[in-house]
Amino acid sequence: MTVILIMIAAVATLAGTGALVVRQIADARRQQYQDEVLASDLGYLREVERTKKRFRHAAHKTRKLAARRTRIHQTKAAHSTAAYFAN
């Protein structure tokens, strides 16, 4: 990107248009900033997806264990209720 800025400045100096040079340099810097922001956002999204993939199995296992605990508690509650009313 720096090479582009130098080339723009050299061409504009030869042409003698200072305002055009300033505008072109500002546009080039703005574009470079936007490219960096997009690259940063893309990197963040990739990291989020990588994290999701990494913990997908653990999340599934956690849900599975929670469902199992729920069934166990419901079974115990049903048995204790049945025992209470049986006496």
PDB file of N, CA and C in Angstrom:
ATOM      1  N   MET A   1       0.828  -1.181   0.000  1.00  0.00           N
ATOM      2  CA  MET A   1       0.000   0.000   0.000  1.00  0.00           C
ATOM      3  C   MET A   1       0.874   1.246   0.000  1.00  0.00           C
ATOM      4  N   THR A   2       1.988   1.192   0.695  1.00  0.00           N
ATOM      5  CA  THR A   2       2.910   2.328   0.732  1.00  0.00           C
ATOM      6  C   THR A   2       3.472   2.617  -0.649  1.00  0.00           C
ATOM      7  N   VAL A   3       3.707   1.556  -1.419  1.00  0.00           N
ATOM      8  CA  VAL A   3       4.224   1.720  -2.781  1.00  0.00           C
ATOM      9  C   VAL A   3       3.224   2.497  -3.624  1.00  0.00           C
ATOM     10  N   ILE A   4       1.954   2.196  -3.447  1.00  0.00           N
ATOM     11  CA  ILE A   4       0.909   2.894  -4.203  1.00  0.00           C
ATOM     12  C   ILE A   4       0.910   4.381  -3.846  1.00  0.00           C
ATOM     13  N   LEU A   5       1.045   4.675  -2.554  1.00  0.00           N
ATOM     14  CA  LEU A   5       1.064   6.079  -2.127  1.00  0.00           C
ATOM     15  C   LEU A   5       2.249   6.822  -2.731  1.00  0.00           C
ATOM     16  N   ILE A   6       3.404   6.181  -2.755  1.00  0.00           N
ATOM     17  CA  ILE A   6       4.599   6.804  -3.333  1.00  0.00           C
ATOM     18  C   ILE A   6       4.410   7.036  -4.825  1.00  0.00           C
ATOM     19  N   MET A   7       3.824   6.059  -5.521  1.00  0.00           N
ATOM     20  CA  MET A   7       3.596   6.200  -6.963  1.00  0.00           C
ATOM     21  C   MET A   7       2.617   7.335  -7.237  1.00  0.00           C
ATOM     22  N   ILE A   8       1.556   7.420  -6.443  1.00  0.00           N
ATOM     23  CA  ILE A   8       0.574   8.492  -6.624  1.00  0.00           C
ATOM     24  C   ILE A   8       1.238   9.845  -6.405  1.00  0.00           C
ATOM     25  N   ALA A   9       2.049   9.953  -5.363  1.00  0.00           N
ATOM     26  CA  ALA A   9       2.733  11.213  -5.068  1.00  0.00           C
ATOM     27  C   ALA A   9       3.697  11.591  -6.190  1.00  0.00           C
ATOM     28  N   ALA A  10       4.406  10.608  -6.734  1.00  0.00           N
ATOM     29  CA  ALA A  10       5.359  10.882  -7.814  1.00  0.00           C
ATOM     30  C   ALA A  10       4.639  11.361  -9.067  1.00  0.00           C
ATOM     31  N   VAL A  11       3.555  10.706  -9.424  1.00  0.00           N
ATOM     32  CA  VAL A  11       2.790  11.088 -10.615  1.00  0.00           C
ATOM     33  C   VAL A  11       2.201  12.480 -10.435  1.00  0.00           C
ATOM     34  N   ALA A  12       1.661  12.749  -9.263  1.00  0.00           N
ATOM     35  CA  ALA A  12       1.046  14.045  -9.019  1.00  0.00           C
ATOM     36  C   ALA A  12       2.081  15.161  -8.996  1.00  0.00           C
ATOM     37  N   THR A  13       3.247  14.871  -8.492  1.00  0.00           N
ATOM     38  CA  THR A  13       4.313  15.875  -8.474  1.00  0.00           C
ATOM     39  C   THR A  13       4.708  16.237  -9.896  1.00  0.00           C
ATOM     40  N   LEU A  14       4.797  15.226 -10.747  1.00  0.00           N
ATOM     41  CA  LEU A  14       5.124  15.482 -12.146  1.00  0.00           C
ATOM     42  C   LEU A  14       4.031  16.297 -12.819  1.00  0.00           C
ATOM     43  N   ALA A  15       2.794  16.029 -12.466  1.00  0.00           N
ATOM     44  CA  ALA A  15       1.671  16.735 -13.073  1.00  0.00           C
ATOM     45  C   ALA A  15       1.471  18.112 -12.445  1.00  0.00           C
ATOM     46  N   GLY A  16       1.928  18.288 -11.203  1.00  0.00           N
ATOM     47  CA  GLY A  16       1.819  19.587 -10.554  1.00  0.00           C
ATOM     48  C   GLY A  16       0.465  19.852  -9.929  1.00  0.00           C
ATOM     49  N   THR A  17      -0.286  18.841  -9.596  1.00  0.00           N
ATOM     50  CA  THR A  17      -1.604  19.037  -8.992  1.00  0.00           C
ATOM     51  C   THR A  17      -1.553  18.582  -7.538  1.00  0.00           C
ATOM     52  N   GLY A  18      -1.346  19.524  -6.644  1.00  0.00           N
ATOM     53  CA  GLY A  18      -1.205  19.220  -5.220  1.00  0.00           C
ATOM     54  C   GLY A  18      -2.491  18.760  -4.561  1.00  0.00           C
ATOM     55  N   ALA A  19      -3.617  19.414  -4.900  1.00  0.00           N
ATOM     56  CA  ALA A  19      -4.892  19.055  -4.279  1.00  0.00           C
ATOM     57  C   ALA A  19      -5.309  17.646  -4.673  1.00  0.00           C
ATOM     58  N   LEU A  20      -5.044  17.302  -5.920  1.00  0.00           N
ATOM     59  CA  LEU A  20      -5.379  15.958  -6.392  1.00  0.00           C
ATOM     60  C   LEU A  20      -4.558  14.915  -5.645  1.00  0.00           C
ATOM     61  N   VAL A  21      -3.301  15.240  -5.411  1.00  0.00           N
ATOM     62  CA  VAL A  21      -2.424  14.316  -4.682  1.00  0.00           C
ATOM     63  C   VAL A  21      -2.958  14.078  -3.277  1.00  0.00           C
ATOM     64  N   VAL A  22      -3.310  15.147  -2.614  1.00  0.00           N
ATOM     65  CA  VAL A  22      -3.813  15.030  -1.245  1.00  0.00           C
ATOM     66  C   VAL A  22      -5.075  14.176  -1.221  1.00  0.00           C
ATOM     67  N   ARG A  23      -5.972  14.407  -2.170  1.00  0.00           N
ATOM     68  CA  ARG A  23      -7.217  13.644  -2.239  1.00  0.00           C
ATOM     69  C   ARG A  23      -6.940  12.169  -2.508  1.00  0.00           C
ATOM     70  N   GLN A  24      -6.022  11.894  -3.436  1.00  0.00           N
ATOM     71  CA  GLN A  24      -5.709  10.507  -3.763  1.00  0.00           C
ATOM     72  C   GLN A  24      -5.042   9.792  -2.593  1.00  0.00           C
ATOM     73  N   ILE A  25      -4.162  10.485  -1.900  1.00  0.00           N
ATOM     74  CA  ILE A  25      -3.514   9.881  -0.731  1.00  0.00           C
ATOM     75  C   ILE A  25      -4.547   9.609   0.362  1.00  0.00           C
ATOM     76  N   ALA A  26      -5.455  10.560   0.571  1.00  0.00           N
ATOM     77  CA  ALA A  26      -6.504  10.365   1.575  1.00  0.00           C
ATOM     78  C   ALA A  26      -7.387   9.182   1.203  1.00  0.00           C
ATOM     79  N   ASP A  27      -7.741   9.074  -0.079  1.00  0.00           N
ATOM     80  CA  ASP A  27      -8.555   7.943  -0.535  1.00  0.00           C
ATOM     81  C   ASP A  27      -7.818   6.619  -0.343  1.00  0.00           C
ATOM     82  N   ALA A  28      -6.529   6.615  -0.666  1.00  0.00           N
ATOM     83  CA  ALA A  28      -5.742   5.389  -0.514  1.00  0.00           C
ATOM     84  C   ALA A  28      -5.636   4.986   0.953  1.00  0.00           C
ATOM     85  N   ARG A  29      -5.431   5.965   1.834  1.00  0.00           N
ATOM     86  CA  ARG A  29      -5.359   5.660   3.269  1.00  0.00           C
ATOM     87  C   ARG A  29      -6.700   5.169   3.796  1.00  0.00           C
ATOM     88  N   ARG A  30      -7.780   5.806   3.344  1.00  0.00           N
ATOM     89  CA  ARG A  30      -9.116   5.382   3.765  1.00  0.00           C
ATOM     90  C   ARG A  30      -9.384   3.945   3.329  1.00  0.00           C
ATOM     91  N   GLN A  31      -9.017   3.638   2.094  1.00  0.00           N
ATOM     92  CA  GLN A  31      -9.211   2.279   1.581  1.00  0.00           C
ATOM     93  C   GLN A  31      -8.365   1.276   2.363  1.00  0.00           C
ATOM     94  N   GLN A  32      -7.133   1.667   2.687  1.00  0.00           N
ATOM     95  CA  GLN A  32      -6.262   0.785   3.462  1.00  0.00           C
ATOM     96  C   GLN A  32      -6.866   0.525   4.840  1.00  0.00           C
ATOM     97  N   TYR A  33      -7.400   1.566   5.472  1.00  0.00           N
ATOM     98  CA  TYR A  33      -8.021   1.416   6.785  1.00  0.00           C
ATOM     99  C   TYR A  33      -9.229   0.488   6.701  1.00  0.00           C
ATOM    100  N   GLN A  34     -10.071   0.678   5.673  1.00  0.00           N
ATOM    101  CA  GLN A  34     -11.239  -0.183   5.507  1.00  0.00           C
ATOM    102  C   GLN A  34     -10.828  -1.632   5.285  1.00  0.00           C
ATOM    103  N   ASP A  35      -9.765  -1.837   4.502  1.00  0.00           N
ATOM    104  CA  ASP A  35      -9.274  -3.197   4.279  1.00  0.00           C
ATOM    105  C   ASP A  35      -8.790  -3.830   5.580  1.00  0.00           C
ATOM    106  N   GLU A  36      -8.095  -3.041   6.405  1.00  0.00           N
ATOM    107  CA  GLU A  36      -7.608  -3.563   7.682  1.00  0.00           C
ATOM    108  C   GLU A  36      -8.765  -3.904   8.615  1.00  0.00           C
ATOM    109  N   VAL A  37      -9.798  -3.059   8.633  1.00  0.00           N
ATOM    110  CA  VAL A  37     -10.962  -3.321   9.481  1.00  0.00           C
ATOM    111  C   VAL A  37     -11.665  -4.596   9.024  1.00  0.00           C
ATOM    112  N   LEU A  38     -11.846  -4.739   7.706  1.00  0.00           N
ATOM    113  CA  LEU A  38     -12.490  -5.945   7.190  1.00  0.00           C
ATOM    114  C   LEU A  38     -11.673  -7.191   7.513  1.00  0.00           C
ATOM    115  N   ALA A  39     -10.352  -7.098   7.382  1.00  0.00           N
ATOM    116  CA  ALA A  39      -9.491  -8.238   7.698  1.00  0.00           C
ATOM    117  C   ALA A  39      -9.589  -8.590   9.178  1.00  0.00           C
ATOM    118  N   SER A  40      -9.651  -7.574  10.022  1.00  0.00           N
ATOM    119  CA  SER A  40      -9.774  -7.806  11.462  1.00  0.00           C
ATOM    120  C   SER A  40     -11.105  -8.477  11.783  1.00  0.00           C
ATOM    121  N   ASP A  41     -12.196  -7.975  11.184  1.00  0.00           N
ATOM    122  CA  ASP A  41     -13.515  -8.570  11.407  1.00  0.00           C
ATOM    123  C   ASP A  41     -13.554 -10.006  10.918  1.00  0.00           C
ATOM    124  N   LEU A  42     -12.962 -10.250   9.765  1.00  0.00           N
ATOM    125  CA  LEU A  42     -12.939 -11.607   9.225  1.00  0.00           C
ATOM    126  C   LEU A  42     -12.156 -12.535  10.147  1.00  0.00           C
ATOM    127  N   GLY A  43     -11.029 -12.058  10.663  1.00  0.00           N
ATOM    128  CA  GLY A  43     -10.242 -12.856  11.600  1.00  0.00           C
ATOM    129  C   GLY A  43     -11.022 -13.170  12.858  1.00  0.00           C
ATOM    130  N   TYR A  44     -11.783 -12.179  13.357  1.00  0.00           N
ATOM    131  CA  TYR A  44     -12.601 -12.399  14.547  1.00  0.00           C
ATOM    132  C   TYR A  44     -13.678 -13.446  14.280  1.00  0.00           C
ATOM    133  N   LEU A  45     -14.348 -13.338  13.131  1.00  0.00           N
ATOM    134  CA  LEU A  45     -15.395 -14.304  12.800  1.00  0.00           C
ATOM    135  C   LEU A  45     -14.826 -15.708  12.640  1.00  0.00           C
ATOM    136  N   ARG A  46     -13.643 -15.808  12.038  1.00  0.00           N
ATOM    137  CA  ARG A  46     -13.004 -17.121  11.914  1.00  0.00           C
ATOM    138  C   ARG A  46     -12.698 -17.714  13.283  1.00  0.00           C
ATOM    139  N   GLU A  47     -12.236 -16.878  14.197  1.00  0.00           N
ATOM    140  CA  GLU A  47     -11.916 -17.355  15.546  1.00  0.00           C
ATOM    141  C   GLU A  47     -13.181 -17.819  16.264  1.00  0.00           C
ATOM    142  N   VAL A  48     -14.279 -17.089  16.083  1.00  0.00           N
ATOM    143  CA  VAL A  48     -15.547 -17.490  16.700  1.00  0.00           C
ATOM    144  C   VAL A  48     -15.982 -18.845  16.161  1.00  0.00           C
ATOM    145  N   GLU A  49     -15.907 -19.023  14.842  1.00  0.00           N
ATOM    146  CA  GLU A  49     -16.294 -20.308  14.247  1.00  0.00           C
ATOM    147  C   GLU A  49     -15.387 -21.431  14.738  1.00  0.00           C
ATOM    148  N   ARG A  50     -14.092 -21.150  14.840  1.00  0.00           N
ATOM    149  CA  ARG A  50     -13.140 -22.156  15.314  1.00  0.00           C
ATOM    150  C   ARG A  50     -13.475 -22.554  16.753  1.00  0.00           C
ATOM    151  N   THR A  51     -13.838 -21.568  17.573  1.00  0.00           N
ATOM    152  CA  THR A  51     -14.193 -21.839  18.967  1.00  0.00           C
ATOM    153  C   THR A  51     -15.467 -22.667  19.034  1.00  0.00           C
ATOM    154  N   LYS A  52     -16.439 -22.333  18.189  1.00  0.00           N
ATOM    155  CA  LYS A  52     -17.681 -23.110  18.166  1.00  0.00           C
ATOM    156  C   LYS A  52     -17.396 -24.562  17.826  1.00  0.00           C
ATOM    157  N   LYS A  53     -16.547 -24.769  16.810  1.00  0.00           N
ATOM    158  CA  LYS A  53     -16.219 -26.136  16.412  1.00  0.00           C
ATOM    159  C   LYS A  53     -15.493 -26.866  17.532  1.00  0.00           C
ATOM    160  N   ARG A  54     -14.610 -26.154  18.212  1.00  0.00           N
ATOM    161  CA  ARG A  54     -13.796 -26.771  19.253  1.00  0.00           C
ATOM    162  C   ARG A  54     -14.659 -27.236  20.422  1.00  0.00           C
ATOM    163  N   PHE A  55     -15.699 -26.474  20.770  1.00  0.00           N
ATOM    164  CA  PHE A  55     -16.496 -26.786  21.948  1.00  0.00           C
ATOM    165  C   PHE A  55     -17.837 -27.432  21.617  1.00  0.00           C
ATOM    166  N   ARG A  56     -18.066 -27.729  20.353  1.00  0.00           N
ATOM    167  CA  ARG A  56     -19.347 -28.315  19.973  1.00  0.00           C
ATOM    168  C   ARG A  56     -19.581 -29.638  20.698  1.00  0.00           C
ATOM    169  N   HIS A  57     -18.548 -30.495  20.738  1.00  0.00           N
ATOM    170  CA  HIS A  57     -18.686 -31.801  21.386  1.00  0.00           C
ATOM    171  C   HIS A  57     -18.931 -31.627  22.883  1.00  0.00           C
ATOM    172  N   ALA A  58     -18.195 -30.721  23.499  1.00  0.00           N
ATOM    173  CA  ALA A  58     -18.357 -30.494  24.933  1.00  0.00           C
ATOM    174  C   ALA A  58     -19.760 -29.977  25.247  1.00  0.00           C
ATOM    175  N   ALA A  59     -20.277 -29.103  24.401  1.00  0.00           N
ATOM    176  CA  ALA A  59     -21.624 -28.570  24.620  1.00  0.00           C
ATOM    177  C   ALA A  59     -22.660 -29.678  24.480  1.00  0.00           C
ATOM    178  N   HIS A  60     -22.472 -30.535  23.491  1.00  0.00           N
ATOM    179  CA  HIS A  60     -23.395 -31.657  23.297  1.00  0.00           C
ATOM    180  C   HIS A  60     -23.354 -32.575  24.516  1.00  0.00           C
ATOM    181  N   LYS A  61     -22.151 -32.848  24.998  1.00  0.00           N
ATOM    182  CA  LYS A  61     -21.995 -33.731  26.157  1.00  0.00           C
ATOM    183  C   LYS A  61     -22.646 -33.115  27.396  1.00  0.00           C
ATOM    184  N   THR A  62     -22.497 -31.817  27.572  1.00  0.00           N
ATOM    185  CA  THR A  62     -23.099 -31.132  28.719  1.00  0.00           C
ATOM    186  C   THR A  62     -24.619 -31.222  28.664  1.00  0.00           C
ATOM    187  N   ARG A  63     -25.194 -30.982  27.479  1.00  0.00           N
ATOM    188  CA  ARG A  63     -26.654 -31.094  27.339  1.00  0.00           C
ATOM    189  C   ARG A  63     -27.116 -32.517  27.607  1.00  0.00           C
ATOM    190  N   LYS A  64     -26.343 -33.478  27.126  1.00  0.00           N
ATOM    191  CA  LYS A  64     -26.689 -34.892  27.315  1.00  0.00           C
ATOM    192  C   LYS A  64     -26.689 -35.244  28.808  1.00  0.00           C
ATOM    193  N   LEU A  65     -25.659 -34.794  29.526  1.00  0.00           N
ATOM    194  CA  LEU A  65     -25.586 -35.070  30.963  1.00  0.00           C
ATOM    195  C   LEU A  65     -26.709 -34.365  31.722  1.00  0.00           C
ATOM    196  N   ALA A  66     -27.051 -33.155  31.312  1.00  0.00           N
ATOM    197  CA  ALA A  66     -28.137 -32.426  31.971  1.00  0.00           C
ATOM    198  C   ALA A  66     -29.463 -33.153  31.768  1.00  0.00           C
ATOM    199  N   ALA A  67     -29.692 -33.655  30.571  1.00  0.00           N
ATOM    200  CA  ALA A  67     -30.922 -34.409  30.297  1.00  0.00           C
ATOM    201  C   ALA A  67     -30.955 -35.682  31.141  1.00  0.00           C
ATOM    202  N   ARG A  68     -29.806 -36.320  31.283  1.00  0.00           N
ATOM    203  CA  ARG A  68     -29.724 -37.547  32.087  1.00  0.00           C
ATOM    204  C   ARG A  68     -30.028 -37.238  33.552  1.00  0.00           C
ATOM    205  N   ARG A  69     -29.442 -36.159  34.077  1.00  0.00           N
ATOM    206  CA  ARG A  69     -29.709 -35.772  35.471  1.00  0.00           C
ATOM    207  C   ARG A  69     -31.191 -35.475  35.676  1.00  0.00           C
ATOM    208  N   THR A  70     -31.799 -34.819  34.702  1.00  0.00           N
ATOM    209  CA  THR A  70     -33.224 -34.507  34.802  1.00  0.00           C
ATOM    210  C   THR A  70     -34.049 -35.785  34.881  1.00  0.00           C
ATOM    211  N   ARG A  71     -33.722 -36.745  34.021  1.00  0.00           N
ATOM    212  CA  ARG A  71     -34.455 -38.022  34.051  1.00  0.00           C
ATOM    213  C   ARG A  71     -34.273 -38.736  35.389  1.00  0.00           C
ATOM    214  N   ILE A  72     -33.047 -38.728  35.910  1.00  0.00           N
ATOM    215  CA  ILE A  72     -32.779 -39.390  37.195  1.00  0.00           C
ATOM    216  C   ILE A  72     -33.589 -38.732  38.305  1.00  0.00           C
ATOM    217  N   HIS A  73     -33.592 -37.396  38.345  1.00  0.00           N
ATOM    218  CA  HIS A  73     -34.340 -36.687  39.385  1.00  0.00           C
ATOM    219  C   HIS A  73     -35.840 -36.941  39.257  1.00  0.00           C
ATOM    220  N   GLN A  74     -36.339 -36.958  38.031  1.00  0.00           N
ATOM    221  CA  GLN A  74     -37.768 -37.221  37.831  1.00  0.00           C
ATOM    222  C   GLN A  74     -38.123 -38.629  38.291  1.00  0.00           C
ATOM    223  N   THR A  75     -37.246 -39.592  37.995  1.00  0.00           N
ATOM    224  CA  THR A  75     -37.493 -40.979  38.405  1.00  0.00           C
ATOM    225  C   THR A  75     -37.492 -41.086  39.925  1.00  0.00           C
ATOM    226  N   LYS A  76     -36.502 -40.458  40.576  1.00  0.00           N
ATOM    227  CA  LYS A  76     -36.449 -40.490  42.046  1.00  0.00           C
ATOM    228  C   LYS A  76     -37.682 -39.834  42.647  1.00  0.00           C
ATOM    229  N   ALA A  77     -38.098 -38.717  42.072  1.00  0.00           N
ATOM    230  CA  ALA A  77     -39.277 -38.017  42.584  1.00  0.00           C
ATOM    231  C   ALA A  77     -40.523 -38.879  42.426  1.00  0.00           C
ATOM    232  N   ALA A  78     -40.632 -39.550  41.287  1.00  0.00           N
ATOM    233  CA  ALA A  78     -41.796 -40.411  41.051  1.00  0.00           C
ATOM    234  C   ALA A  78     -41.810 -41.575  42.038  1.00  0.00           C
ATOM    235  N   HIS A  79     -40.646 -42.164  42.291  1.00  0.00           N
ATOM    236  CA  HIS A  79     -40.576 -43.299  43.217  1.00  0.00           C
ATOM    237  C   HIS A  79     -40.870 -42.863  44.644  1.00  0.00           C
ATOM    238  N   SER A  80     -40.335 -41.725  45.037  1.00  0.00           N
ATOM    239  CA  SER A  80     -40.580 -41.270  46.409  1.00  0.00           C
ATOM    240  C   SER A  80     -42.044 -40.877  46.585  1.00  0.00           C
ATOM    241  N   THR A  81     -42.655 -40.317  45.560  1.00  0.00           N
ATOM    242  CA  THR A  81     -44.077 -39.972  45.629  1.00  0.00           C
ATOM    243  C   THR A  81     -44.918 -41.236  45.725  1.00  0.00           C
ATOM    244  N   ALA A  82     -44.573 -42.243  44.910  1.00  0.00           N
ATOM    245  CA  ALA A  82     -45.305 -43.512  44.942  1.00  0.00           C
ATOM    246  C   ALA A  82     -45.137 -44.180  46.301  1.00  0.00           C
ATOM    247  N   ALA A  83     -43.943 -44.126  46.873  1.00  0.00           N
ATOM    248  CA  ALA A  83     -43.700 -44.730  48.183  1.00  0.00           C
ATOM    249  C   ALA A  83     -44.476 -43.982  49.267  1.00  0.00           C
ATOM    250  N   TYR A  84     -44.577 -42.681  49.141  1.00  0.00           N
ATOM    251  CA  TYR A  84     -45.301 -41.881  50.124  1.00  0.00           C
ATOM    252  C   TYR A  84     -46.784 -42.249  50.146  1.00  0.00           C
ATOM    253  N   PHE A  85     -47.362 -42.376  48.936  1.00  0.00           N
ATOM    254  CA  PHE A  85     -48.789 -42.684  48.869  1.00  0.00           C
ATOM    255  C   PHE A  85     -49.075 -44.157  49.110  1.00  0.00           C
ATOM    256  N   ALA A  86     -48.074 -45.014  49.013  1.00  0.00           N
ATOM    257  CA  ALA A  86     -48.276 -46.447  49.237  1.00  0.00           C
ATOM    258  C   ALA A  86     -48.415 -46.736  50.726  1.00  0.00           C
ATOM    259  N   ASN A  87     -47.804 -45.913  51.562  1.00  0.00           N
ATOM    260  CA  ASN A  87     -47.857 -46.173  53.018  1.00  0.00           C
ATOM    261  C   ASN A  87     -49.109 -45.679  53.616  1.00  0.00           C
TER     262      ASN A  87
END
